[in-house]
Amino acid sequence: MTSASIWTPVATLDDLWEGEVAEFQVGDRPILLAHLRSGEIRAYDGLCPHAGFPLADGDVEDDILTCSAHSWEFDLATGAGVNPANCRLNSHPVRLDGDRITVSLTEGDHR
């Protein structure tokens, strides 16, 4: 039997302007929402996979997030590591219901 996805309302478009990232709590997990310059929204685990530092504290330029702890860089469009390239962000499905941003958390590493 397949379990249905559970979609959790996280924020609205008014909470997250284009080009911005912000951290939101979904249950006990920090989730990073990124509103890309293309208008798309992405959701990732909110902590850097390198050292567990909050990603929302980082800087964003041209949809590249630089973690403020150790300057690791991630492409917010894909979650792929830019520097270093062998690391990536854990992503979660996102959908818009009107102006409401909802996320379906993926199971796996909760770190």
PDB file of N, CA and C in Angstrom:
ATOM      1  N   MET A   1       0.838  -1.177   0.000  1.00  0.00           N
ATOM      2  CA  MET A   1       0.000   0.000   0.000  1.00  0.00           C
ATOM      3  C   MET A   1       0.882   1.238   0.000  1.00  0.00           C
ATOM      4  N   THR A   2       0.572   2.183  -0.852  1.00  0.00           N
ATOM      5  CA  THR A   2       1.363   3.399  -0.983  1.00  0.00           C
ATOM      6  C   THR A   2       0.780   4.480  -0.090  1.00  0.00           C
ATOM      7  N   SER A   3       1.640   5.173   0.630  1.00  0.00           N
ATOM      8  CA  SER A   3       1.141   6.262   1.470  1.00  0.00           C
ATOM      9  C   SER A   3       1.068   7.538   0.645  1.00  0.00           C
ATOM     10  N   ALA A   4       0.012   8.302   0.878  1.00  0.00           N
ATOM     11  CA  ALA A   4      -0.172   9.560   0.153  1.00  0.00           C
ATOM     12  C   ALA A   4       0.765  10.613   0.721  1.00  0.00           C
ATOM     13  N   SER A   5       1.151  11.544  -0.134  1.00  0.00           N
ATOM     14  CA  SER A   5       1.985  12.660   0.321  1.00  0.00           C
ATOM     15  C   SER A   5       1.171  13.564   1.232  1.00  0.00           C
ATOM     16  N   ILE A   6       1.789  14.053   2.254  1.00  0.00           N
ATOM     17  CA  ILE A   6       1.161  15.023   3.146  1.00  0.00           C
ATOM     18  C   ILE A   6       1.748  16.383   2.830  1.00  0.00           C
ATOM     19  N   TRP A   7       0.898  17.303   2.394  1.00  0.00           N
ATOM     20  CA  TRP A   7       1.328  18.652   2.034  1.00  0.00           C
ATOM     21  C   TRP A   7       1.063  19.577   3.200  1.00  0.00           C
ATOM     22  N   THR A   8       2.100  20.247   3.674  1.00  0.00           N
ATOM     23  CA  THR A   8       2.011  21.144   4.824  1.00  0.00           C
ATOM     24  C   THR A   8       2.139  22.588   4.366  1.00  0.00           C
ATOM     25  N   PRO A   9       1.146  23.440   4.676  1.00  0.00           N
ATOM     26  CA  PRO A   9       1.304  24.865   4.384  1.00  0.00           C
ATOM     27  C   PRO A   9       2.456  25.432   5.208  1.00  0.00           C
ATOM     28  N   VAL A  10       3.351  26.149   4.549  1.00  0.00           N
ATOM     29  CA  VAL A  10       4.554  26.643   5.210  1.00  0.00           C
ATOM     30  C   VAL A  10       4.603  28.166   5.241  1.00  0.00           C
ATOM     31  N   ALA A  11       4.217  28.806   4.145  1.00  0.00           N
ATOM     32  CA  ALA A  11       4.345  30.263   4.037  1.00  0.00           C
ATOM     33  C   ALA A  11       3.451  30.733   2.896  1.00  0.00           C
ATOM     34  N   THR A  12       3.451  32.038   2.660  1.00  0.00           N
ATOM     35  CA  THR A  12       2.773  32.602   1.493  1.00  0.00           C
ATOM     36  C   THR A  12       3.807  33.342   0.658  1.00  0.00           C
ATOM     37  N   LEU A  13       3.420  33.679  -0.557  1.00  0.00           N
ATOM     38  CA  LEU A  13       4.334  34.424  -1.423  1.00  0.00           C
ATOM     39  C   LEU A  13       4.712  35.774  -0.813  1.00  0.00           C
ATOM     40  N   ASP A  14       3.818  36.356   0.008  1.00  0.00           N
ATOM     41  CA  ASP A  14       4.145  37.617   0.684  1.00  0.00           C
ATOM     42  C   ASP A  14       5.259  37.440   1.716  1.00  0.00           C
ATOM     43  N   ASP A  15       5.447  36.206   2.216  1.00  0.00           N
ATOM     44  CA  ASP A  15       6.491  35.923   3.211  1.00  0.00           C
ATOM     45  C   ASP A  15       7.865  35.736   2.579  1.00  0.00           C
ATOM     46  N   LEU A  16       7.897  35.517   1.270  1.00  0.00           N
ATOM     47  CA  LEU A  16       9.151  35.133   0.616  1.00  0.00           C
ATOM     48  C   LEU A  16       9.226  35.805  -0.757  1.00  0.00           C
ATOM     49  N   TRP A  17       9.923  36.911  -0.811  1.00  0.00           N
ATOM     50  CA  TRP A  17      10.049  37.676  -2.043  1.00  0.00           C
ATOM     51  C   TRP A  17      10.998  36.992  -3.011  1.00  0.00           C
ATOM     52  N   GLU A  18      10.826  37.269  -4.284  1.00  0.00           N
ATOM     53  CA  GLU A  18      11.704  36.710  -5.309  1.00  0.00           C
ATOM     54  C   GLU A  18      13.155  37.070  -5.009  1.00  0.00           C
ATOM     55  N   GLY A  19      14.033  36.072  -5.101  1.00  0.00           N
ATOM     56  CA  GLY A  19      15.450  36.277  -4.828  1.00  0.00           C
ATOM     57  C   GLY A  19      15.826  36.069  -3.372  1.00  0.00           C
ATOM     58  N   GLU A  20      14.851  35.755  -2.516  1.00  0.00           N
ATOM     59  CA  GLU A  20      15.111  35.590  -1.087  1.00  0.00           C
ATOM     60  C   GLU A  20      15.066  34.128  -0.662  1.00  0.00           C
ATOM     61  N   VAL A  21      15.699  33.861   0.470  1.00  0.00           N
ATOM     62  CA  VAL A  21      15.567  32.579   1.163  1.00  0.00           C
ATOM     63  C   VAL A  21      15.125  32.871   2.589  1.00  0.00           C
ATOM     64  N   ALA A  22      14.433  31.908   3.191  1.00  0.00           N
ATOM     65  CA  ALA A  22      14.015  32.053   4.580  1.00  0.00           C
ATOM     66  C   ALA A  22      13.821  30.663   5.168  1.00  0.00           C
ATOM     67  N   GLU A  23      13.985  30.576   6.481  1.00  0.00           N
ATOM     68  CA  GLU A  23      13.805  29.317   7.182  1.00  0.00           C
ATOM     69  C   GLU A  23      12.432  29.294   7.833  1.00  0.00           C
ATOM     70  N   PHE A  24      11.765  28.149   7.717  1.00  0.00           N
ATOM     71  CA  PHE A  24      10.462  27.923   8.347  1.00  0.00           C
ATOM     72  C   PHE A  24      10.500  26.578   9.042  1.00  0.00           C
ATOM     73  N   GLN A  25       9.809  26.457  10.164  1.00  0.00           N
ATOM     74  CA  GLN A  25       9.726  25.185  10.880  1.00  0.00           C
ATOM     75  C   GLN A  25       8.566  24.380  10.316  1.00  0.00           C
ATOM     76  N   VAL A  26       8.821  23.145   9.962  1.00  0.00           N
ATOM     77  CA  VAL A  26       7.780  22.210   9.559  1.00  0.00           C
ATOM     78  C   VAL A  26       7.886  21.042  10.532  1.00  0.00           C
ATOM     79  N   GLY A  27       6.960  21.011  11.482  1.00  0.00           N
ATOM     80  CA  GLY A  27       7.097  20.056  12.575  1.00  0.00           C
ATOM     81  C   GLY A  27       8.337  20.433  13.366  1.00  0.00           C
ATOM     82  N   ASP A  28       9.246  19.485  13.526  1.00  0.00           N
ATOM     83  CA  ASP A  28      10.490  19.767  14.267  1.00  0.00           C
ATOM     84  C   ASP A  28      11.671  20.001  13.330  1.00  0.00           C
ATOM     85  N   ARG A  29      11.393  20.198  12.040  1.00  0.00           N
ATOM     86  CA  ARG A  29      12.477  20.337  11.057  1.00  0.00           C
ATOM     87  C   ARG A  29      12.565  21.753  10.502  1.00  0.00           C
ATOM     88  N   PRO A  30      13.773  22.334  10.496  1.00  0.00           N
ATOM     89  CA  PRO A  30      13.950  23.613   9.808  1.00  0.00           C
ATOM     90  C   PRO A  30      14.010  23.368   8.304  1.00  0.00           C
ATOM     91  N   ILE A  31      13.175  24.107   7.562  1.00  0.00           N
ATOM     92  CA  ILE A  31      13.112  23.972   6.107  1.00  0.00           C
ATOM     93  C   ILE A  31      13.473  25.316   5.487  1.00  0.00           C
ATOM     94  N   LEU A  32      14.370  25.291   4.519  1.00  0.00           N
ATOM     95  CA  LEU A  32      14.760  26.490   3.790  1.00  0.00           C
ATOM     96  C   LEU A  32      13.896  26.596   2.545  1.00  0.00           C
ATOM     97  N   LEU A  33      13.184  27.711   2.409  1.00  0.00           N
ATOM     98  CA  LEU A  33      12.475  27.996   1.170  1.00  0.00           C
ATOM     99  C   LEU A  33      13.279  29.016   0.385  1.00  0.00           C
ATOM    100  N   ALA A  34      13.404  28.776  -0.911  1.00  0.00           N
ATOM    101  CA  ALA A  34      14.124  29.683  -1.804  1.00  0.00           C
ATOM    102  C   ALA A  34      13.182  30.095  -2.918  1.00  0.00           C
ATOM    103  N   HIS A  35      13.014  31.403  -3.097  1.00  0.00           N
ATOM    104  CA  HIS A  35      12.196  31.937  -4.197  1.00  0.00           C
ATOM    105  C   HIS A  35      13.177  32.395  -5.271  1.00  0.00           C
ATOM    106  N   LEU A  36      13.315  31.582  -6.303  1.00  0.00           N
ATOM    107  CA  LEU A  36      14.315  31.828  -7.337  1.00  0.00           C
ATOM    108  C   LEU A  36      13.936  33.017  -8.201  1.00  0.00           C
ATOM    109  N   ARG A  37      14.923  33.571  -8.887  1.00  0.00           N
ATOM    110  CA  ARG A  37      14.684  34.704  -9.780  1.00  0.00           C
ATOM    111  C   ARG A  37      13.753  34.331 -10.926  1.00  0.00           C
ATOM    112  N   SER A  38      13.672  33.052 -11.260  1.00  0.00           N
ATOM    113  CA  SER A  38      12.762  32.575 -12.306  1.00  0.00           C
ATOM    114  C   SER A  38      11.312  32.553 -11.830  1.00  0.00           C
ATOM    115  N   GLY A  39      11.111  32.763 -10.521  1.00  0.00           N
ATOM    116  CA  GLY A  39       9.780  32.710  -9.942  1.00  0.00           C
ATOM    117  C   GLY A  39       9.460  31.377  -9.287  1.00  0.00           C
ATOM    118  N   GLU A  40      10.287  30.369  -9.521  1.00  0.00           N
ATOM    119  CA  GLU A  40      10.056  29.052  -8.926  1.00  0.00           C
ATOM    120  C   GLU A  40      10.427  29.069  -7.444  1.00  0.00           C
ATOM    121  N   ILE A  41       9.796  28.163  -6.691  1.00  0.00           N
ATOM    122  CA  ILE A  41      10.074  28.011  -5.263  1.00  0.00           C
ATOM    123  C   ILE A  41      10.705  26.644  -5.050  1.00  0.00           C
ATOM    124  N   ARG A  42      11.747  26.585  -4.266  1.00  0.00           N
ATOM    125  CA  ARG A  42      12.405  25.330  -3.907  1.00  0.00           C
ATOM    126  C   ARG A  42      12.420  25.205  -2.383  1.00  0.00           C
ATOM    127  N   ALA A  43      12.391  23.948  -1.903  1.00  0.00           N
ATOM    128  CA  ALA A  43      12.473  23.679  -0.460  1.00  0.00           C
ATOM    129  C   ALA A  43      13.593  22.681  -0.209  1.00  0.00           C
ATOM    130  N   TYR A  44      14.386  22.971   0.801  1.00  0.00           N
ATOM    131  CA  TYR A  44      15.511  22.116   1.183  1.00  0.00           C
ATOM    132  C   TYR A  44      15.554  22.007   2.703  1.00  0.00           C
ATOM    133  N   ASP A  45      16.255  20.980   3.198  1.00  0.00           N
ATOM    134  CA  ASP A  45      16.535  20.955   4.628  1.00  0.00           C
ATOM    135  C   ASP A  45      17.234  22.255   4.978  1.00  0.00           C
ATOM    136  N   GLY A  46      16.901  22.824   6.128  1.00  0.00           N
ATOM    137  CA  GLY A  46      17.384  24.155   6.475  1.00  0.00           C
ATOM    138  C   GLY A  46      18.794  24.225   7.018  1.00  0.00           C
ATOM    139  N   LEU A  47      19.421  23.063   7.243  1.00  0.00           N
ATOM    140  CA  LEU A  47      20.772  23.062   7.804  1.00  0.00           C
ATOM    141  C   LEU A  47      21.780  22.600   6.759  1.00  0.00           C
ATOM    142  N   CYS A  48      22.925  23.251   6.741  1.00  0.00           N
ATOM    143  CA  CYS A  48      23.984  22.906   5.793  1.00  0.00           C
ATOM    144  C   CYS A  48      24.407  21.450   6.014  1.00  0.00           C
ATOM    145  N   PRO A  49      24.495  20.662   4.938  1.00  0.00           N
ATOM    146  CA  PRO A  49      24.911  19.267   5.094  1.00  0.00           C
ATOM    147  C   PRO A  49      26.357  19.125   5.553  1.00  0.00           C
ATOM    148  N   HIS A  50      27.137  20.181   5.485  1.00  0.00           N
ATOM    149  CA  HIS A  50      28.533  20.140   5.900  1.00  0.00           C
ATOM    150  C   HIS A  50      28.670  20.174   7.406  1.00  0.00           C
ATOM    151  N   ALA A  51      28.112  21.206   8.050  1.00  0.00           N
ATOM    152  CA  ALA A  51      28.332  21.363   9.495  1.00  0.00           C
ATOM    153  C   ALA A  51      27.051  21.679  10.265  1.00  0.00           C
ATOM    154  N   GLY A  52      25.889  21.558   9.613  1.00  0.00           N
ATOM    155  CA  GLY A  52      24.634  21.760  10.320  1.00  0.00           C
ATOM    156  C   GLY A  52      24.310  23.203  10.664  1.00  0.00           C
ATOM    157  N   PHE A  53      24.931  24.152   9.978  1.00  0.00           N
ATOM    158  CA  PHE A  53      24.697  25.578  10.239  1.00  0.00           C
ATOM    159  C   PHE A  53      23.443  26.022   9.486  1.00  0.00           C
ATOM    160  N   PRO A  54      22.619  26.938  10.049  1.00  0.00           N
ATOM    161  CA  PRO A  54      21.410  27.383   9.365  1.00  0.00           C
ATOM    162  C   PRO A  54      21.716  28.049   8.016  1.00  0.00           C
ATOM    163  N   LEU A  55      21.153  27.491   6.945  1.00  0.00           N
ATOM    164  CA  LEU A  55      21.405  28.013   5.611  1.00  0.00           C
ATOM    165  C   LEU A  55      20.773  29.382   5.378  1.00  0.00           C
ATOM    166  N   ALA A  56      19.689  29.687   6.091  1.00  0.00           N
ATOM    167  CA  ALA A  56      19.018  30.976   5.901  1.00  0.00           C
ATOM    168  C   ALA A  56      19.910  32.151   6.291  1.00  0.00           C
ATOM    169  N   ASP A  57      20.976  31.890   7.052  1.00  0.00           N
ATOM    170  CA  ASP A  57      21.922  32.943   7.433  1.00  0.00           C
ATOM    171  C   ASP A  57      22.921  33.253   6.325  1.00  0.00           C
ATOM    172  N   GLY A  58      22.891  32.467   5.248  1.00  0.00           N
ATOM    173  CA  GLY A  58      23.847  32.649   4.158  1.00  0.00           C
ATOM    174  C   GLY A  58      23.452  33.771   3.216  1.00  0.00           C
ATOM    175  N   ASP A  59      24.302  34.005   2.237  1.00  0.00           N
ATOM    176  CA  ASP A  59      24.079  35.044   1.227  1.00  0.00           C
ATOM    177  C   ASP A  59      23.652  34.394  -0.082  1.00  0.00           C
ATOM    178  N   VAL A  60      22.747  35.069  -0.814  1.00  0.00           N
ATOM    179  CA  VAL A  60      22.288  34.578  -2.106  1.00  0.00           C
ATOM    180  C   VAL A  60      22.656  35.597  -3.171  1.00  0.00           C
ATOM    181  N   GLU A  61      23.304  35.091  -4.226  1.00  0.00           N
ATOM    182  CA  GLU A  61      23.597  35.928  -5.389  1.00  0.00           C
ATOM    183  C   GLU A  61      23.430  35.061  -6.626  1.00  0.00           C
ATOM    184  N   ASP A  62      22.576  35.506  -7.555  1.00  0.00           N
ATOM    185  CA  ASP A  62      22.310  34.762  -8.794  1.00  0.00           C
ATOM    186  C   ASP A  62      21.891  33.320  -8.509  1.00  0.00           C
ATOM    187  N   ASP A  63      21.017  33.120  -7.527  1.00  0.00           N
ATOM    188  CA  ASP A  63      20.484  31.812  -7.129  1.00  0.00           C
ATOM    189  C   ASP A  63      21.554  30.856  -6.597  1.00  0.00           C
ATOM    190  N   ILE A  64      22.704  31.387  -6.212  1.00  0.00           N
ATOM    191  CA  ILE A  64      23.742  30.596  -5.535  1.00  0.00           C
ATOM    192  C   ILE A  64      23.753  31.015  -4.071  1.00  0.00           C
ATOM    193  N   LEU A  65      23.547  30.037  -3.188  1.00  0.00           N
ATOM    194  CA  LEU A  65      23.570  30.286  -1.743  1.00  0.00           C
ATOM    195  C   LEU A  65      24.952  29.968  -1.206  1.00  0.00           C
ATOM    196  N   THR A  66      25.536  30.912  -0.480  1.00  0.00           N
ATOM    197  CA  THR A  66      26.823  30.695   0.176  1.00  0.00           C
ATOM    198  C   THR A  66      26.574  30.590   1.667  1.00  0.00           C
ATOM    199  N   CYS A  67      26.874  29.432   2.246  1.00  0.00           N
ATOM    200  CA  CYS A  67      26.690  29.215   3.679  1.00  0.00           C
ATOM    201  C   CYS A  67      27.609  30.159   4.441  1.00  0.00           C
ATOM    202  N   SER A  68      27.064  30.827   5.451  1.00  0.00           N
ATOM    203  CA  SER A  68      27.853  31.815   6.191  1.00  0.00           C
ATOM    204  C   SER A  68      28.878  31.185   7.133  1.00  0.00           C
ATOM    205  N   ALA A  69      28.766  29.884   7.389  1.00  0.00           N
ATOM    206  CA  ALA A  69      29.713  29.248   8.315  1.00  0.00           C
ATOM    207  C   ALA A  69      31.070  28.986   7.668  1.00  0.00           C
ATOM    208  N   HIS A  70      31.077  28.304   6.524  1.00  0.00           N
ATOM    209  CA  HIS A  70      32.340  27.902   5.904  1.00  0.00           C
ATOM    210  C   HIS A  70      32.385  28.195   4.408  1.00  0.00           C
ATOM    211  N   SER A  71      31.465  29.041   3.925  1.00  0.00           N
ATOM    212  CA  SER A  71      31.443  29.497   2.525  1.00  0.00           C
ATOM    213  C   SER A  71      31.205  28.394   1.502  1.00  0.00           C
ATOM    214  N   TRP A  72      30.567  27.286   1.902  1.00  0.00           N
ATOM    215  CA  TRP A  72      30.170  26.288   0.921  1.00  0.00           C
ATOM    216  C   TRP A  72      29.062  26.890   0.068  1.00  0.00           C
ATOM    217  N   GLU A  73      29.047  26.560  -1.229  1.00  0.00           N
ATOM    218  CA  GLU A  73      28.099  27.152  -2.162  1.00  0.00           C
ATOM    219  C   GLU A  73      27.181  26.089  -2.760  1.00  0.00           C
ATOM    220  N   PHE A  74      25.890  26.460  -2.894  1.00  0.00           N
ATOM    221  CA  PHE A  74      24.883  25.553  -3.438  1.00  0.00           C
ATOM    222  C   PHE A  74      24.034  26.274  -4.468  1.00  0.00           C
ATOM    223  N   ASP A  75      23.696  25.566  -5.557  1.00  0.00           N
ATOM    224  CA  ASP A  75      22.800  26.086  -6.580  1.00  0.00           C
ATOM    225  C   ASP A  75      21.368  25.875  -6.087  1.00  0.00           C
ATOM    226  N   LEU A  76      20.654  26.953  -5.819  1.00  0.00           N
ATOM    227  CA  LEU A  76      19.307  26.837  -5.269  1.00  0.00           C
ATOM    228  C   LEU A  76      18.295  26.292  -6.277  1.00  0.00           C
ATOM    229  N   ALA A  77      18.604  26.324  -7.561  1.00  0.00           N
ATOM    230  CA  ALA A  77      17.691  25.776  -8.566  1.00  0.00           C
ATOM    231  C   ALA A  77      17.679  24.251  -8.539  1.00  0.00           C
ATOM    232  N   THR A  78      18.823  23.646  -8.168  1.00  0.00           N
ATOM    233  CA  THR A  78      18.952  22.189  -8.221  1.00  0.00           C
ATOM    234  C   THR A  78      19.318  21.555  -6.883  1.00  0.00           C
ATOM    235  N   GLY A  79      19.881  22.335  -5.967  1.00  0.00           N
ATOM    236  CA  GLY A  79      20.381  21.794  -4.704  1.00  0.00           C
ATOM    237  C   GLY A  79      21.802  21.272  -4.806  1.00  0.00           C
ATOM    238  N   ALA A  80      22.365  21.287  -6.004  1.00  0.00           N
ATOM    239  CA  ALA A  80      23.706  20.746  -6.223  1.00  0.00           C
ATOM    240  C   ALA A  80      24.772  21.628  -5.585  1.00  0.00           C
ATOM    241  N   GLY A  81      25.798  20.982  -5.086  1.00  0.00           N
ATOM    242  CA  GLY A  81      26.937  21.719  -4.567  1.00  0.00           C
ATOM    243  C   GLY A  81      27.705  22.370  -5.696  1.00  0.00           C
ATOM    244  N   VAL A  82      28.126  23.614  -5.489  1.00  0.00           N
ATOM    245  CA  VAL A  82      28.947  24.335  -6.459  1.00  0.00           C
ATOM    246  C   VAL A  82      30.399  24.276  -6.003  1.00  0.00           C
ATOM    247  N   ASN A  83      30.617  24.541  -4.731  1.00  0.00           N
ATOM    248  CA  ASN A  83      31.957  24.505  -4.151  1.00  0.00           C
ATOM    249  C   ASN A  83      31.833  24.065  -2.697  1.00  0.00           C
ATOM    250  N   PRO A  84      32.109  22.785  -2.390  1.00  0.00           N
ATOM    251  CA  PRO A  84      32.565  21.710  -3.278  1.00  0.00           C
ATOM    252  C   PRO A  84      31.393  21.091  -4.039  1.00  0.00           C
ATOM    253  N   ALA A  85      31.723  20.433  -5.133  1.00  0.00           N
ATOM    254  CA  ALA A  85      30.702  19.862  -6.012  1.00  0.00           C
ATOM    255  C   ALA A  85      30.186  18.508  -5.527  1.00  0.00           C
ATOM    256  N   ASN A  86      30.848  17.892  -4.557  1.00  0.00           N
ATOM    257  CA  ASN A  86      30.471  16.537  -4.134  1.00  0.00           C
ATOM    258  C   ASN A  86      29.452  16.528  -2.990  1.00  0.00           C
ATOM    259  N   CYS A  87      28.768  17.646  -2.765  1.00  0.00           N
ATOM    260  CA  CYS A  87      27.785  17.756  -1.696  1.00  0.00           C
ATOM    261  C   CYS A  87      26.515  18.344  -2.302  1.00  0.00           C
ATOM    262  N   ARG A  88      25.339  17.970  -1.755  1.00  0.00           N
ATOM    263  CA  ARG A  88      24.103  18.564  -2.264  1.00  0.00           C
ATOM    264  C   ARG A  88      23.099  18.721  -1.127  1.00  0.00           C
ATOM    265  N   LEU A  89      22.155  19.616  -1.361  1.00  0.00           N
ATOM    266  CA  LEU A  89      21.100  19.854  -0.392  1.00  0.00           C
ATOM    267  C   LEU A  89      19.995  18.812  -0.567  1.00  0.00           C
ATOM    268  N   ASN A  90      19.382  18.399   0.541  1.00  0.00           N
ATOM    269  CA  ASN A  90      18.251  17.468   0.501  1.00  0.00           C
ATOM    270  C   ASN A  90      16.990  18.261   0.189  1.00  0.00           C
ATOM    271  N   SER A  91      16.360  17.950  -0.951  1.00  0.00           N
ATOM    272  CA  SER A  91      15.213  18.744  -1.407  1.00  0.00           C
ATOM    273  C   SER A  91      13.888  18.093  -1.022  1.00  0.00           C
ATOM    274  N   HIS A  92      12.837  18.910  -1.061  1.00  0.00           N
ATOM    275  CA  HIS A  92      11.475  18.475  -0.772  1.00  0.00           C
ATOM    276  C   HIS A  92      10.550  19.034  -1.845  1.00  0.00           C
ATOM    277  N   PRO A  93       9.527  18.269  -2.249  1.00  0.00           N
ATOM    278  CA  PRO A  93       8.570  18.776  -3.238  1.00  0.00           C
ATOM    279  C   PRO A  93       7.822  20.006  -2.712  1.00  0.00           C
ATOM    280  N   VAL A  94       7.586  20.951  -3.621  1.00  0.00           N
ATOM    281  CA  VAL A  94       6.888  22.200  -3.291  1.00  0.00           C
ATOM    282  C   VAL A  94       5.757  22.391  -4.286  1.00  0.00           C
ATOM    283  N   ARG A  95       4.653  22.942  -3.824  1.00  0.00           N
ATOM    284  CA  ARG A  95       3.612  23.362  -4.749  1.00  0.00           C
ATOM    285  C   ARG A  95       2.968  24.633  -4.210  1.00  0.00           C
ATOM    286  N   LEU A  96       2.387  25.385  -5.138  1.00  0.00           N
ATOM    287  CA  LEU A  96       1.650  26.597  -4.784  1.00  0.00           C
ATOM    288  C   LEU A  96       0.167  26.296  -4.841  1.00  0.00           C
ATOM    289  N   ASP A  97      -0.539  26.643  -3.784  1.00  0.00           N
ATOM    290  CA  ASP A  97      -1.996  26.600  -3.752  1.00  0.00           C
ATOM    291  C   ASP A  97      -2.443  28.046  -3.624  1.00  0.00           C
ATOM    292  N   GLY A  98      -2.725  28.688  -4.762  1.00  0.00           N
ATOM    293  CA  GLY A  98      -2.974  30.131  -4.752  1.00  0.00           C
ATOM    294  C   GLY A  98      -1.668  30.828  -4.429  1.00  0.00           C
ATOM    295  N   ASP A  99      -1.633  31.608  -3.333  1.00  0.00           N
ATOM    296  CA  ASP A  99      -0.373  32.243  -2.921  1.00  0.00           C
ATOM    297  C   ASP A  99       0.262  31.507  -1.743  1.00  0.00           C
ATOM    298  N   ARG A 100      -0.301  30.362  -1.365  1.00  0.00           N
ATOM    299  CA  ARG A 100       0.217  29.575  -0.239  1.00  0.00           C
ATOM    300  C   ARG A 100       1.251  28.566  -0.725  1.00  0.00           C
ATOM    301  N   ILE A 101       2.404  28.564  -0.077  1.00  0.00           N
ATOM    302  CA  ILE A 101       3.486  27.628  -0.398  1.00  0.00           C
ATOM    303  C   ILE A 101       3.327  26.413   0.502  1.00  0.00           C
ATOM    304  N   THR A 102       3.192  25.232  -0.105  1.00  0.00           N
ATOM    305  CA  THR A 102       3.079  23.991   0.671  1.00  0.00           C
ATOM    306  C   THR A 102       4.252  23.080   0.320  1.00  0.00           C
ATOM    307  N   VAL A 103       4.653  22.278   1.302  1.00  0.00           N
ATOM    308  CA  VAL A 103       5.815  21.397   1.163  1.00  0.00           C
ATOM    309  C   VAL A 103       5.421  20.005   1.592  1.00  0.00           C
ATOM    310  N   SER A 104       5.932  19.008   0.886  1.00  0.00           N
ATOM    311  CA  SER A 104       5.783  17.608   1.277  1.00  0.00           C
ATOM    312  C   SER A 104       7.158  17.115   1.697  1.00  0.00           C
ATOM    313  N   LEU A 105       7.323  16.850   2.978  1.00  0.00           N
ATOM    314  CA  LEU A 105       8.641  16.445   3.473  1.00  0.00           C
ATOM    315  C   LEU A 105       8.976  15.045   2.992  1.00  0.00           C
ATOM    316  N   THR A 106      10.203  14.883   2.543  1.00  0.00           N
ATOM    317  CA  THR A 106      10.695  13.572   2.141  1.00  0.00           C
ATOM    318  C   THR A 106      11.322  12.917   3.362  1.00  0.00           C
ATOM    319  N   GLU A 107      11.199  11.625   3.427  1.00  0.00           N
ATOM    320  CA  GLU A 107      11.802  10.898   4.538  1.00  0.00           C
ATOM    321  C   GLU A 107      13.297  10.754   4.282  1.00  0.00           C
ATOM    322  N   GLY A 108      13.996  10.370   5.316  1.00  0.00           N
ATOM    323  CA  GLY A 108      15.439  10.201   5.161  1.00  0.00           C
ATOM    324  C   GLY A 108      16.167  10.867   6.293  1.00  0.00           C
ATOM    325  N   ASP A 109      17.352  11.318   6.008  1.00  0.00           N
ATOM    326  CA  ASP A 109      18.205  11.927   7.009  1.00  0.00           C
ATOM    327  C   ASP A 109      17.562  13.217   7.508  1.00  0.00           C
ATOM    328  N   HIS A 110      17.273  13.296   8.786  1.00  0.00           N
ATOM    329  CA  HIS A 110      16.637  14.483   9.356  1.00  0.00           C
ATOM    330  C   HIS A 110      17.678  15.479   9.869  1.00  0.00           C
ATOM    331  N   ARG A 111      18.925  15.258   9.591  1.00  0.00           N
ATOM    332  CA  ARG A 111      19.992  16.113  10.068  1.00  0.00           C
ATOM    333  C   ARG A 111      20.068  17.371   9.266  1.00  0.00           C
TER     334      ARG A 111
END
